[in-house]
Amino acid sequence: ERLHISEPSNAYDFGQIVNAVNANKDKAACADLLTITDPKKVPVLLSNKLEGETLLIFIQSLEHYIARKDPGLVYQHLFYLSKAERFKVVLALLSKNEKEEIHQLFDLLSENQSYHYSLEDLKSLKKVYEL
């Protein structure tokens, strides 16, 4: 059964939705969440709860459901995710394969370029993700 996603109004609600999405490995529901949530709010909504599992399902959802439709939104999510508390820690703990998934998403963004970002912007953000 597909999760019904509505816009979270606070960090607690956001955390509950993220937990449900992770528990069900529901990338489509995660994509819905990322589509209705303002990227600027994500670091605040995540609070100090960013985990590797969460970062990965965000990356996979962005890649499989949003990147071709709205590369600008994906770029914004990647940009603001990198501002989240614990981002550097989580990044440091990712495996080679997990980093490869992030790399694929950046490749998709270069192929589907958007007026929301330049290739230079993408290059600087890749550095932040240590790619």
N, C-alpha and C. Protein backbone atom coordinates (compact mmCIF):
# COMPACT_ATOMS: atom_id res chain seq x y z
N GLU A 1 0.85 -1.19 0.00
CA GLU A 1 0.00 0.00 0.00
C GLU A 1 0.89 1.24 0.00
N ARG A 2 0.56 2.16 -0.88
CA ARG A 2 1.36 3.37 -1.04
C ARG A 2 1.09 4.34 0.12
N LEU A 3 2.16 4.93 0.61
CA LEU A 3 2.02 5.92 1.68
C LEU A 3 1.39 7.19 1.14
N HIS A 4 0.49 7.77 1.90
CA HIS A 4 -0.08 9.07 1.52
C HIS A 4 0.78 10.14 2.17
N ILE A 5 1.33 11.02 1.36
CA ILE A 5 2.25 12.03 1.87
C ILE A 5 1.59 13.40 1.82
N SER A 6 1.58 14.09 2.96
CA SER A 6 1.14 15.48 2.96
C SER A 6 2.29 16.33 3.51
N GLU A 7 2.28 17.60 3.21
CA GLU A 7 3.41 18.45 3.58
C GLU A 7 3.60 18.47 5.10
N PRO A 8 4.81 18.12 5.56
CA PRO A 8 5.06 18.13 7.00
C PRO A 8 5.17 19.56 7.51
N SER A 9 4.58 19.82 8.68
CA SER A 9 4.60 21.19 9.19
C SER A 9 5.74 21.40 10.19
N ASN A 10 6.34 20.30 10.66
CA ASN A 10 7.43 20.47 11.62
C ASN A 10 8.40 19.30 11.53
N ALA A 11 9.49 19.39 12.28
CA ALA A 11 10.54 18.37 12.23
C ALA A 11 10.01 17.00 12.67
N TYR A 12 9.11 16.99 13.64
CA TYR A 12 8.57 15.72 14.12
C TYR A 12 7.80 15.01 13.00
N ASP A 13 6.87 15.75 12.35
CA ASP A 13 6.08 15.17 11.24
C ASP A 13 7.00 14.69 10.12
N PHE A 14 7.96 15.52 9.79
CA PHE A 14 8.90 15.18 8.72
C PHE A 14 9.64 13.89 9.09
N GLY A 15 10.10 13.80 10.32
CA GLY A 15 10.81 12.61 10.80
C GLY A 15 9.94 11.36 10.72
N GLN A 16 8.66 11.50 11.09
CA GLN A 16 7.73 10.36 11.04
C GLN A 16 7.57 9.87 9.60
N ILE A 17 7.43 10.82 8.67
CA ILE A 17 7.25 10.45 7.26
C ILE A 17 8.53 9.78 6.75
N VAL A 18 9.68 10.36 7.09
CA VAL A 18 10.96 9.80 6.64
C VAL A 18 11.13 8.38 7.20
N ASN A 19 10.77 8.17 8.46
CA ASN A 19 10.86 6.83 9.05
C ASN A 19 9.97 5.83 8.31
N ALA A 20 8.75 6.26 7.98
CA ALA A 20 7.81 5.38 7.27
C ALA A 20 8.35 5.06 5.87
N VAL A 21 8.86 6.08 5.20
CA VAL A 21 9.42 5.91 3.86
C VAL A 21 10.60 4.93 3.91
N ASN A 22 11.48 5.11 4.89
CA ASN A 22 12.63 4.21 5.06
C ASN A 22 12.19 2.79 5.37
N ALA A 23 11.22 2.64 6.28
CA ALA A 23 10.76 1.32 6.69
C ALA A 23 10.18 0.56 5.50
N ASN A 24 9.49 1.28 4.61
CA ASN A 24 8.85 0.65 3.44
C ASN A 24 9.73 0.70 2.19
N LYS A 25 10.89 1.33 2.31
CA LYS A 25 11.76 1.52 1.14
C LYS A 25 10.94 2.10 -0.03
N ASP A 26 10.06 3.04 0.30
CA ASP A 26 9.11 3.59 -0.67
C ASP A 26 9.69 4.85 -1.33
N LYS A 27 10.41 4.63 -2.43
CA LYS A 27 11.06 5.76 -3.12
C LYS A 27 10.05 6.71 -3.76
N ALA A 28 8.92 6.15 -4.21
CA ALA A 28 7.89 7.00 -4.84
C ALA A 28 7.30 7.96 -3.80
N ALA A 29 7.02 7.44 -2.61
CA ALA A 29 6.48 8.29 -1.54
C ALA A 29 7.54 9.31 -1.11
N CYS A 30 8.79 8.89 -1.09
CA CYS A 30 9.87 9.81 -0.74
C CYS A 30 9.95 10.94 -1.78
N ALA A 31 9.79 10.57 -3.05
CA ALA A 31 9.80 11.58 -4.11
C ALA A 31 8.64 12.57 -3.91
N ASP A 32 7.47 12.04 -3.51
CA ASP A 32 6.33 12.93 -3.22
C ASP A 32 6.71 13.91 -2.10
N LEU A 33 7.32 13.37 -1.05
CA LEU A 33 7.73 14.20 0.08
C LEU A 33 8.69 15.30 -0.38
N LEU A 34 9.68 14.92 -1.20
CA LEU A 34 10.67 15.90 -1.65
C LEU A 34 10.09 16.90 -2.65
N THR A 35 9.02 16.49 -3.33
CA THR A 35 8.38 17.39 -4.29
C THR A 35 7.56 18.46 -3.57
N ILE A 36 6.91 18.08 -2.46
CA ILE A 36 6.05 19.07 -1.77
C ILE A 36 6.78 19.83 -0.66
N THR A 37 8.02 19.44 -0.36
CA THR A 37 8.76 20.11 0.71
C THR A 37 9.76 21.09 0.12
N ASP A 38 9.70 22.32 0.55
CA ASP A 38 10.63 23.34 0.08
C ASP A 38 12.06 22.91 0.45
N PRO A 39 12.95 22.78 -0.55
CA PRO A 39 14.32 22.34 -0.25
C PRO A 39 15.01 23.15 0.86
N LYS A 40 14.70 24.46 0.93
CA LYS A 40 15.32 25.32 1.94
C LYS A 40 14.96 24.87 3.35
N LYS A 41 13.78 24.24 3.50
CA LYS A 41 13.30 23.84 4.83
C LYS A 41 13.88 22.50 5.28
N VAL A 42 14.40 21.72 4.33
CA VAL A 42 14.82 20.35 4.66
C VAL A 42 15.87 20.28 5.78
N PRO A 43 16.93 21.12 5.74
CA PRO A 43 17.90 21.01 6.85
C PRO A 43 17.26 21.24 8.22
N VAL A 44 16.31 22.16 8.30
CA VAL A 44 15.63 22.45 9.57
C VAL A 44 14.72 21.29 9.94
N LEU A 45 13.99 20.76 8.95
CA LEU A 45 13.07 19.65 9.21
C LEU A 45 13.82 18.38 9.60
N LEU A 46 15.01 18.19 9.01
CA LEU A 46 15.81 17.01 9.36
C LEU A 46 16.38 17.14 10.77
N SER A 47 16.56 18.39 11.19
CA SER A 47 17.16 18.66 12.48
C SER A 47 18.51 17.93 12.55
N ASN A 48 18.76 17.15 13.60
CA ASN A 48 20.03 16.43 13.70
C ASN A 48 19.83 14.95 13.39
N LYS A 49 18.81 14.64 12.59
CA LYS A 49 18.41 13.26 12.36
C LYS A 49 18.89 12.67 11.03
N LEU A 50 19.77 13.36 10.32
CA LEU A 50 20.22 12.82 9.03
C LEU A 50 21.04 11.56 9.25
N GLU A 51 20.65 10.50 8.55
CA GLU A 51 21.36 9.21 8.60
C GLU A 51 21.71 8.81 7.17
N GLY A 52 22.63 7.88 7.03
CA GLY A 52 23.02 7.39 5.72
C GLY A 52 21.84 6.84 4.93
N GLU A 53 20.99 6.07 5.63
CA GLU A 53 19.82 5.45 5.00
C GLU A 53 18.89 6.54 4.42
N THR A 54 18.73 7.61 5.16
CA THR A 54 17.86 8.71 4.73
C THR A 54 18.47 9.43 3.53
N LEU A 55 19.76 9.73 3.63
CA LEU A 55 20.42 10.41 2.51
C LEU A 55 20.28 9.56 1.25
N LEU A 56 20.48 8.26 1.37
CA LEU A 56 20.42 7.39 0.20
C LEU A 56 19.03 7.30 -0.41
N ILE A 57 18.00 7.19 0.43
CA ILE A 57 16.65 7.10 -0.16
C ILE A 57 16.28 8.44 -0.80
N PHE A 58 16.77 9.54 -0.24
CA PHE A 58 16.55 10.86 -0.87
C PHE A 58 17.23 10.87 -2.24
N ILE A 59 18.49 10.43 -2.29
CA ILE A 59 19.25 10.42 -3.55
C ILE A 59 18.56 9.54 -4.59
N GLN A 60 18.16 8.33 -4.17
CA GLN A 60 17.51 7.40 -5.10
C GLN A 60 16.18 7.94 -5.60
N SER A 61 15.42 8.56 -4.71
CA SER A 61 14.12 9.12 -5.10
C SER A 61 14.31 10.29 -6.06
N LEU A 62 15.28 11.13 -5.76
CA LEU A 62 15.57 12.27 -6.65
C LEU A 62 15.98 11.75 -8.03
N GLU A 63 16.82 10.72 -8.03
CA GLU A 63 17.33 10.19 -9.29
C GLU A 63 16.23 9.52 -10.11
N HIS A 64 15.44 8.65 -9.49
CA HIS A 64 14.48 7.85 -10.24
C HIS A 64 13.16 8.54 -10.53
N TYR A 65 12.78 9.51 -9.72
CA TYR A 65 11.44 10.09 -9.90
C TYR A 65 11.43 11.58 -10.27
N ILE A 66 12.52 12.31 -9.98
CA ILE A 66 12.42 13.76 -10.13
C ILE A 66 13.44 14.33 -11.13
N ALA A 67 14.62 13.74 -11.22
CA ALA A 67 15.73 14.33 -11.99
C ALA A 67 15.38 14.68 -13.44
N ARG A 68 14.68 13.80 -14.12
CA ARG A 68 14.37 14.08 -15.54
C ARG A 68 13.25 15.11 -15.67
N LYS A 69 12.34 15.12 -14.70
CA LYS A 69 11.21 16.06 -14.75
C LYS A 69 11.61 17.45 -14.30
N ASP A 70 12.37 17.52 -13.21
CA ASP A 70 12.67 18.82 -12.60
C ASP A 70 14.10 18.85 -12.03
N PRO A 71 15.10 18.91 -12.93
CA PRO A 71 16.49 18.90 -12.45
C PRO A 71 16.81 20.08 -11.52
N GLY A 72 16.10 21.19 -11.70
CA GLY A 72 16.32 22.36 -10.83
C GLY A 72 15.97 22.05 -9.38
N LEU A 73 14.87 21.34 -9.19
CA LEU A 73 14.44 20.96 -7.84
C LEU A 73 15.47 20.00 -7.22
N VAL A 74 15.97 19.07 -8.02
CA VAL A 74 16.97 18.11 -7.53
C VAL A 74 18.23 18.85 -7.09
N TYR A 75 18.67 19.80 -7.92
CA TYR A 75 19.86 20.58 -7.57
C TYR A 75 19.64 21.28 -6.22
N GLN A 76 18.48 21.91 -6.08
CA GLN A 76 18.19 22.63 -4.83
C GLN A 76 18.19 21.69 -3.62
N HIS A 77 17.59 20.51 -3.80
CA HIS A 77 17.59 19.55 -2.70
C HIS A 77 19.02 19.14 -2.34
N LEU A 78 19.84 18.86 -3.35
CA LEU A 78 21.23 18.47 -3.08
C LEU A 78 21.97 19.60 -2.38
N PHE A 79 21.72 20.81 -2.83
CA PHE A 79 22.38 21.98 -2.24
C PHE A 79 22.02 22.11 -0.77
N TYR A 80 20.72 22.09 -0.46
CA TYR A 80 20.29 22.30 0.93
C TYR A 80 20.57 21.09 1.82
N LEU A 81 20.52 19.88 1.24
CA LEU A 81 20.88 18.69 2.03
C LEU A 81 22.31 18.81 2.55
N SER A 82 23.17 19.40 1.74
CA SER A 82 24.57 19.53 2.14
C SER A 82 24.75 20.51 3.31
N LYS A 83 23.70 21.26 3.61
CA LYS A 83 23.73 22.21 4.73
C LYS A 83 23.17 21.57 6.02
N ALA A 84 22.64 20.36 5.89
CA ALA A 84 22.01 19.70 7.04
C ALA A 84 23.05 19.31 8.08
N GLU A 85 22.61 19.35 9.32
CA GLU A 85 23.45 18.89 10.43
C GLU A 85 23.80 17.42 10.17
N ARG A 86 24.99 17.02 10.50
CA ARG A 86 25.48 15.64 10.34
C ARG A 86 25.80 15.27 8.90
N PHE A 87 25.64 16.20 7.94
CA PHE A 87 25.88 15.86 6.53
C PHE A 87 27.29 15.31 6.32
N LYS A 88 28.29 16.01 6.83
CA LYS A 88 29.69 15.58 6.63
C LYS A 88 29.94 14.20 7.25
N VAL A 89 29.37 13.96 8.41
CA VAL A 89 29.53 12.68 9.10
C VAL A 89 28.93 11.56 8.25
N VAL A 90 27.70 11.77 7.81
CA VAL A 90 26.99 10.77 7.01
C VAL A 90 27.76 10.50 5.72
N LEU A 91 28.22 11.56 5.09
CA LEU A 91 28.97 11.44 3.84
C LEU A 91 30.22 10.58 4.05
N ALA A 92 30.91 10.83 5.15
CA ALA A 92 32.15 10.11 5.44
C ALA A 92 31.90 8.61 5.64
N LEU A 93 30.69 8.24 6.06
CA LEU A 93 30.39 6.84 6.35
C LEU A 93 29.80 6.08 5.17
N LEU A 94 29.58 6.76 4.04
CA LEU A 94 29.01 6.08 2.88
C LEU A 94 30.02 5.13 2.24
N SER A 95 29.51 4.04 1.71
CA SER A 95 30.38 3.08 1.02
C SER A 95 30.69 3.61 -0.38
N LYS A 96 31.60 2.94 -1.05
CA LYS A 96 31.98 3.32 -2.41
C LYS A 96 30.74 3.24 -3.33
N ASN A 97 29.95 2.17 -3.20
CA ASN A 97 28.75 2.01 -4.04
C ASN A 97 27.72 3.11 -3.77
N GLU A 98 27.58 3.49 -2.51
CA GLU A 98 26.62 4.54 -2.17
C GLU A 98 27.08 5.88 -2.75
N LYS A 99 28.38 6.13 -2.69
CA LYS A 99 28.90 7.37 -3.29
C LYS A 99 28.68 7.35 -4.80
N GLU A 100 28.79 6.16 -5.39
CA GLU A 100 28.59 6.00 -6.83
C GLU A 100 27.16 6.40 -7.21
N GLU A 101 26.20 6.08 -6.34
CA GLU A 101 24.80 6.46 -6.61
C GLU A 101 24.66 7.98 -6.66
N ILE A 102 25.35 8.65 -5.75
CA ILE A 102 25.30 10.12 -5.72
C ILE A 102 25.94 10.65 -7.01
N HIS A 103 27.02 10.01 -7.40
CA HIS A 103 27.73 10.41 -8.62
C HIS A 103 26.80 10.29 -9.84
N GLN A 104 26.04 9.21 -9.90
CA GLN A 104 25.10 9.01 -11.02
C GLN A 104 24.06 10.12 -11.07
N LEU A 105 23.60 10.55 -9.90
CA LEU A 105 22.61 11.62 -9.85
C LEU A 105 23.22 12.91 -10.39
N PHE A 106 24.46 13.20 -10.02
CA PHE A 106 25.13 14.39 -10.54
C PHE A 106 25.30 14.29 -12.06
N ASP A 107 25.61 13.09 -12.56
CA ASP A 107 25.74 12.90 -14.01
C ASP A 107 24.42 13.21 -14.70
N LEU A 108 23.34 12.73 -14.12
CA LEU A 108 22.00 13.00 -14.68
C LEU A 108 21.74 14.50 -14.73
N LEU A 109 22.15 15.20 -13.67
CA LEU A 109 21.94 16.65 -13.63
C LEU A 109 22.75 17.37 -14.70
N SER A 110 23.95 16.85 -15.00
CA SER A 110 24.74 17.50 -16.06
C SER A 110 24.09 17.24 -17.42
N GLU A 111 23.53 16.05 -17.59
CA GLU A 111 22.87 15.72 -18.88
C GLU A 111 21.58 16.50 -19.07
N ASN A 112 20.83 16.68 -17.99
CA ASN A 112 19.53 17.37 -18.08
C ASN A 112 19.67 18.78 -17.50
N GLN A 113 20.57 19.54 -18.06
CA GLN A 113 20.84 20.83 -17.42
C GLN A 113 19.63 21.73 -17.36
N SER A 114 19.58 22.55 -16.34
CA SER A 114 18.44 23.41 -16.09
C SER A 114 18.93 24.85 -15.94
N TYR A 115 18.05 25.80 -16.18
CA TYR A 115 18.45 27.20 -15.99
C TYR A 115 18.63 27.52 -14.51
N HIS A 116 18.23 26.60 -13.63
CA HIS A 116 18.36 26.82 -12.18
C HIS A 116 19.79 26.72 -11.69
N TYR A 117 20.66 26.13 -12.49
CA TYR A 117 22.06 25.96 -12.07
C TYR A 117 22.95 25.90 -13.30
N SER A 118 24.20 26.30 -13.13
CA SER A 118 25.16 26.21 -14.21
C SER A 118 26.03 24.97 -13.99
N LEU A 119 26.80 24.60 -14.99
CA LEU A 119 27.71 23.47 -14.82
C LEU A 119 28.75 23.78 -13.76
N GLU A 120 29.08 25.08 -13.62
CA GLU A 120 30.00 25.51 -12.56
C GLU A 120 29.39 25.25 -11.18
N ASP A 121 28.11 25.61 -11.03
CA ASP A 121 27.41 25.37 -9.76
C ASP A 121 27.45 23.89 -9.43
N LEU A 122 27.20 23.08 -10.44
CA LEU A 122 27.17 21.63 -10.26
C LEU A 122 28.54 21.12 -9.83
N LYS A 123 29.57 21.69 -10.45
CA LYS A 123 30.94 21.28 -10.13
C LYS A 123 31.28 21.62 -8.68
N SER A 124 30.91 22.80 -8.21
CA SER A 124 31.20 23.16 -6.82
C SER A 124 30.42 22.28 -5.85
N LEU A 125 29.17 21.97 -6.21
CA LEU A 125 28.36 21.13 -5.33
C LEU A 125 28.94 19.70 -5.28
N LYS A 126 29.45 19.23 -6.40
CA LYS A 126 30.09 17.90 -6.42
C LYS A 126 31.24 17.84 -5.43
N LYS A 127 31.98 18.95 -5.33
CA LYS A 127 33.11 19.01 -4.38
C LYS A 127 32.60 18.88 -2.95
N VAL A 128 31.47 19.53 -2.67
CA VAL A 128 30.88 19.47 -1.34
C VAL A 128 30.51 18.01 -1.00
N TYR A 129 30.08 17.26 -2.03
CA TYR A 129 29.73 15.85 -1.84
C TYR A 129 30.96 14.94 -1.98
N GLU A 130 32.11 15.57 -2.07
CA GLU A 130 33.40 14.86 -2.14
C GLU A 130 33.46 13.88 -3.28
N LEU A 131 32.95 14.29 -4.46
CA LEU A 131 32.97 13.43 -5.65
C LEU A 131 34.03 13.90 -6.63
